[in-house]
Amino acid sequence: MTRINDVRHLMISTGINKGLNDYETLKYSEELDKLINKYQLLTSPSPHRS
């Protein structure tokens, strides 16, 4: 969860300073999406788990 917050802060800061369409902002946005998806997979109940 710490990494998610770190990347979120980097994305927001970069977006403010460089713009929302800047390559670096978009890179952080994509990384954040991947981290959130991974977190949700790890924390959601699975019908296959006992």
PDB file of N, CA and C in Angstrom:
ATOM      1  N   MET A   1       0.821  -1.193   0.000  1.00  0.00           N
ATOM      2  CA  MET A   1       0.000   0.000   0.000  1.00  0.00           C
ATOM      3  C   MET A   1       0.867   1.259   0.000  1.00  0.00           C
ATOM      4  N   THR A   2       2.030   1.176   0.626  1.00  0.00           N
ATOM      5  CA  THR A   2       2.939   2.320   0.654  1.00  0.00           C
ATOM      6  C   THR A   2       3.384   2.684  -0.748  1.00  0.00           C
ATOM      7  N   ARG A   3       3.694   1.691  -1.557  1.00  0.00           N
ATOM      8  CA  ARG A   3       4.136   1.959  -2.931  1.00  0.00           C
ATOM      9  C   ARG A   3       3.024   2.641  -3.729  1.00  0.00           C
ATOM     10  N   ILE A   4       1.784   2.224  -3.509  1.00  0.00           N
ATOM     11  CA  ILE A   4       0.653   2.858  -4.187  1.00  0.00           C
ATOM     12  C   ILE A   4       0.599   4.342  -3.829  1.00  0.00           C
ATOM     13  N   ASN A   5       0.717   4.657  -2.555  1.00  0.00           N
ATOM     14  CA  ASN A   5       0.678   6.054  -2.126  1.00  0.00           C
ATOM     15  C   ASN A   5       1.869   6.838  -2.654  1.00  0.00           C
ATOM     16  N   ASP A   6       3.036   6.225  -2.673  1.00  0.00           N
ATOM     17  CA  ASP A   6       4.229   6.902  -3.205  1.00  0.00           C
ATOM     18  C   ASP A   6       4.043   7.261  -4.679  1.00  0.00           C
ATOM     19  N   VAL A   7       3.574   6.299  -5.460  1.00  0.00           N
ATOM     20  CA  VAL A   7       3.389   6.537  -6.894  1.00  0.00           C
ATOM     21  C   VAL A   7       2.267   7.550  -7.120  1.00  0.00           C
ATOM     22  N   ARG A   8       1.224   7.484  -6.307  1.00  0.00           N
ATOM     23  CA  ARG A   8       0.129   8.453  -6.424  1.00  0.00           C
ATOM     24  C   ARG A   8       0.645   9.874  -6.205  1.00  0.00           C
ATOM     25  N   HIS A   9       1.464  10.049  -5.169  1.00  0.00           N
ATOM     26  CA  HIS A   9       2.028  11.377  -4.897  1.00  0.00           C
ATOM     27  C   HIS A   9       2.955  11.838  -6.023  1.00  0.00           C
ATOM     28  N   LEU A  10       3.759  10.925  -6.549  1.00  0.00           N
ATOM     29  CA  LEU A  10       4.629  11.270  -7.676  1.00  0.00           C
ATOM     30  C   LEU A  10       3.811  11.691  -8.895  1.00  0.00           C
ATOM     31  N   MET A  11       2.747  10.963  -9.167  1.00  0.00           N
ATOM     32  CA  MET A  11       1.903  11.272 -10.312  1.00  0.00           C
ATOM     33  C   MET A  11       1.249  12.646 -10.157  1.00  0.00           C
ATOM     34  N   ILE A  12       0.719  12.922  -8.980  1.00  0.00           N
ATOM     35  CA  ILE A  12       0.066  14.212  -8.739  1.00  0.00           C
ATOM     36  C   ILE A  12       1.062  15.349  -8.851  1.00  0.00           C
ATOM     37  N   SER A  13       2.210  15.193  -8.222  1.00  0.00           N
ATOM     38  CA  SER A  13       3.242  16.227  -8.264  1.00  0.00           C
ATOM     39  C   SER A  13       3.723  16.477  -9.691  1.00  0.00           C
ATOM     40  N   THR A  14       3.964  15.404 -10.419  1.00  0.00           N
ATOM     41  CA  THR A  14       4.415  15.529 -11.805  1.00  0.00           C
ATOM     42  C   THR A  14       3.328  16.161 -12.667  1.00  0.00           C
ATOM     43  N   GLY A  15       2.091  15.782 -12.434  1.00  0.00           N
ATOM     44  CA  GLY A  15       0.982  16.355 -13.192  1.00  0.00           C
ATOM     45  C   GLY A  15       0.842  17.849 -12.963  1.00  0.00           C
ATOM     46  N   ILE A  16       1.048  18.280 -11.723  1.00  0.00           N
ATOM     47  CA  ILE A  16       0.979  19.709 -11.405  1.00  0.00           C
ATOM     48  C   ILE A  16       2.123  20.462 -12.064  1.00  0.00           C
ATOM     49  N   ASN A  17       3.315  19.892 -11.998  1.00  0.00           N
ATOM     50  CA  ASN A  17       4.505  20.585 -12.493  1.00  0.00           C
ATOM     51  C   ASN A  17       4.715  20.491 -13.999  1.00  0.00           C
ATOM     52  N   LYS A  18       4.369  19.349 -14.586  1.00  0.00           N
ATOM     53  CA  LYS A  18       4.669  19.139 -16.006  1.00  0.00           C
ATOM     54  C   LYS A  18       3.429  19.049 -16.884  1.00  0.00           C
ATOM     55  N   GLY A  19       2.281  18.884 -16.274  1.00  0.00           N
ATOM     56  CA  GLY A  19       1.039  18.763 -17.038  1.00  0.00           C
ATOM     57  C   GLY A  19       0.530  17.332 -17.054  1.00  0.00           C
ATOM     58  N   LEU A  20      -0.770  17.219 -17.257  1.00  0.00           N
ATOM     59  CA  LEU A  20      -1.402  15.900 -17.206  1.00  0.00           C
ATOM     60  C   LEU A  20      -1.073  15.022 -18.403  1.00  0.00           C
ATOM     61  N   ASN A  21      -0.680  15.614 -19.507  1.00  0.00           N
ATOM     62  CA  ASN A  21      -0.360  14.833 -20.706  1.00  0.00           C
ATOM     63  C   ASN A  21       1.128  14.578 -20.876  1.00  0.00           C
ATOM     64  N   ASP A  22       1.925  14.964 -19.892  1.00  0.00           N
ATOM     65  CA  ASP A  22       3.363  14.728 -19.959  1.00  0.00           C
ATOM     66  C   ASP A  22       3.649  13.228 -19.866  1.00  0.00           C
ATOM     67  N   TYR A  23       4.675  12.782 -20.583  1.00  0.00           N
ATOM     68  CA  TYR A  23       5.036  11.356 -20.601  1.00  0.00           C
ATOM     69  C   TYR A  23       5.249  10.810 -19.191  1.00  0.00           C
ATOM     70  N   GLU A  24       5.951  11.556 -18.355  1.00  0.00           N
ATOM     71  CA  GLU A  24       6.263  11.080 -17.003  1.00  0.00           C
ATOM     72  C   GLU A  24       4.992  10.929 -16.163  1.00  0.00           C
ATOM     73  N   THR A  25       4.064  11.883 -16.282  1.00  0.00           N
ATOM     74  CA  THR A  25       2.789  11.793 -15.563  1.00  0.00           C
ATOM     75  C   THR A  25       2.028  10.555 -16.005  1.00  0.00           C
ATOM     76  N   LEU A  26       1.980  10.334 -17.308  1.00  0.00           N
ATOM     77  CA  LEU A  26       1.264   9.169 -17.833  1.00  0.00           C
ATOM     78  C   LEU A  26       1.934   7.867 -17.418  1.00  0.00           C
ATOM     79  N   LYS A  27       3.252   7.872 -17.342  1.00  0.00           N
ATOM     80  CA  LYS A  27       3.993   6.688 -16.894  1.00  0.00           C
ATOM     81  C   LYS A  27       3.610   6.343 -15.452  1.00  0.00           C
ATOM     82  N   TYR A  28       3.555   7.368 -14.593  1.00  0.00           N
ATOM     83  CA  TYR A  28       3.161   7.127 -13.205  1.00  0.00           C
ATOM     84  C   TYR A  28       1.703   6.675 -13.115  1.00  0.00           C
ATOM     85  N   SER A  29       0.858   7.218 -13.961  1.00  0.00           N
ATOM     86  CA  SER A  29      -0.544   6.823 -13.975  1.00  0.00           C
ATOM     87  C   SER A  29      -0.691   5.346 -14.335  1.00  0.00           C
ATOM     88  N   GLU A  30       0.041   4.909 -15.340  1.00  0.00           N
ATOM     89  CA  GLU A  30      -0.003   3.496 -15.737  1.00  0.00           C
ATOM     90  C   GLU A  30       0.547   2.593 -14.639  1.00  0.00           C
ATOM     91  N   GLU A  31       1.638   3.022 -14.006  1.00  0.00           N
ATOM     92  CA  GLU A  31       2.207   2.227 -12.918  1.00  0.00           C
ATOM     93  C   GLU A  31       1.215   2.130 -11.761  1.00  0.00           C
ATOM     94  N   LEU A  32       0.555   3.249 -11.456  1.00  0.00           N
ATOM     95  CA  LEU A  32      -0.431   3.256 -10.379  1.00  0.00           C
ATOM     96  C   LEU A  32      -1.588   2.318 -10.696  1.00  0.00           C
ATOM     97  N   ASP A  33      -2.066   2.339 -11.927  1.00  0.00           N
ATOM     98  CA  ASP A  33      -3.138   1.418 -12.337  1.00  0.00           C
ATOM     99  C   ASP A  33      -2.730  -0.035 -12.112  1.00  0.00           C
ATOM    100  N   LYS A  34      -1.522  -0.378 -12.508  1.00  0.00           N
ATOM    101  CA  LYS A  34      -1.037  -1.755 -12.347  1.00  0.00           C
ATOM    102  C   LYS A  34      -0.942  -2.140 -10.874  1.00  0.00           C
ATOM    103  N   LEU A  35      -0.435  -1.230 -10.053  1.00  0.00           N
ATOM    104  CA  LEU A  35      -0.307  -1.515  -8.623  1.00  0.00           C
ATOM    105  C   LEU A  35      -1.672  -1.691  -7.965  1.00  0.00           C
ATOM    106  N   ILE A  36      -2.627  -0.835  -8.328  1.00  0.00           N
ATOM    107  CA  ILE A  36      -3.974  -0.939  -7.759  1.00  0.00           C
ATOM    108  C   ILE A  36      -4.633  -2.240  -8.204  1.00  0.00           C
ATOM    109  N   ASN A  37      -4.491  -2.597  -9.473  1.00  0.00           N
ATOM    110  CA  ASN A  37      -5.063  -3.861  -9.957  1.00  0.00           C
ATOM    111  C   ASN A  37      -4.465  -5.055  -9.223  1.00  0.00           C
ATOM    112  N   LYS A  38      -3.159  -5.040  -9.031  1.00  0.00           N
ATOM    113  CA  LYS A  38      -2.491  -6.129  -8.318  1.00  0.00           C
ATOM    114  C   LYS A  38      -2.973  -6.200  -6.869  1.00  0.00           C
ATOM    115  N   TYR A  39      -3.091  -5.046  -6.230  1.00  0.00           N
ATOM    116  CA  TYR A  39      -3.566  -4.990  -4.845  1.00  0.00           C
ATOM    117  C   TYR A  39      -4.986  -5.550  -4.741  1.00  0.00           C
ATOM    118  N   GLN A  40      -5.852  -5.159  -5.671  1.00  0.00           N
ATOM    119  CA  GLN A  40      -7.229  -5.645  -5.650  1.00  0.00           C
ATOM    120  C   GLN A  40      -7.296  -7.154  -5.859  1.00  0.00           C
ATOM    121  N   LEU A  41      -6.449  -7.681  -6.731  1.00  0.00           N
ATOM    122  CA  LEU A  41      -6.425  -9.132  -6.937  1.00  0.00           C
ATOM    123  C   LEU A  41      -5.989  -9.870  -5.672  1.00  0.00           C
ATOM    124  N   LEU A  42      -5.024  -9.290  -4.972  1.00  0.00           N
ATOM    125  CA  LEU A  42      -4.507  -9.936  -3.768  1.00  0.00           C
ATOM    126  C   LEU A  42      -5.459  -9.839  -2.581  1.00  0.00           C
ATOM    127  N   THR A  43      -6.305  -8.820  -2.562  1.00  0.00           N
ATOM    128  CA  THR A  43      -7.157  -8.606  -1.392  1.00  0.00           C
ATOM    129  C   THR A  43      -8.611  -8.994  -1.603  1.00  0.00           C
ATOM    130  N   SER A  44      -9.005  -9.268  -2.834  1.00  0.00           N
ATOM    131  CA  SER A  44     -10.405  -9.618  -3.075  1.00  0.00           C
ATOM    132  C   SER A  44     -10.630 -11.098  -2.785  1.00  0.00           C
ATOM    133  N   PRO A  45     -11.812 -11.414  -2.270  1.00  0.00           N
ATOM    134  CA  PRO A  45     -12.111 -12.830  -2.028  1.00  0.00           C
ATOM    135  C   PRO A  45     -12.211 -13.585  -3.350  1.00  0.00           C
ATOM    136  N   SER A  46     -11.660 -14.755  -3.368  1.00  0.00           N
ATOM    137  CA  SER A  46     -11.685 -15.574  -4.574  1.00  0.00           C
ATOM    138  C   SER A  46     -12.533 -16.812  -4.322  1.00  0.00           C
ATOM    139  N   PRO A  47     -13.393 -17.163  -5.258  1.00  0.00           N
ATOM    140  CA  PRO A  47     -14.210 -18.370  -5.075  1.00  0.00           C
ATOM    141  C   PRO A  47     -13.379 -19.646  -5.067  1.00  0.00           C
ATOM    142  N   HIS A  48     -12.132 -19.566  -5.549  1.00  0.00           N
ATOM    143  CA  HIS A  48     -11.276 -20.750  -5.613  1.00  0.00           C
ATOM    144  C   HIS A  48     -10.428 -20.924  -4.359  1.00  0.00           C
ATOM    145  N   ARG A  49     -10.437 -19.925  -3.496  1.00  0.00           N
ATOM    146  CA  ARG A  49      -9.665 -20.040  -2.249  1.00  0.00           C
ATOM    147  C   ARG A  49     -10.507 -20.717  -1.185  1.00  0.00           C
ATOM    148  N   SER A  50      -9.868 -21.474  -0.324  1.00  0.00           N
ATOM    149  CA  SER A  50     -10.586 -22.159   0.757  1.00  0.00           C
ATOM    150  C   SER A  50     -10.419 -21.423   2.051  1.00  0.00           C
TER     151      SER A  50
END
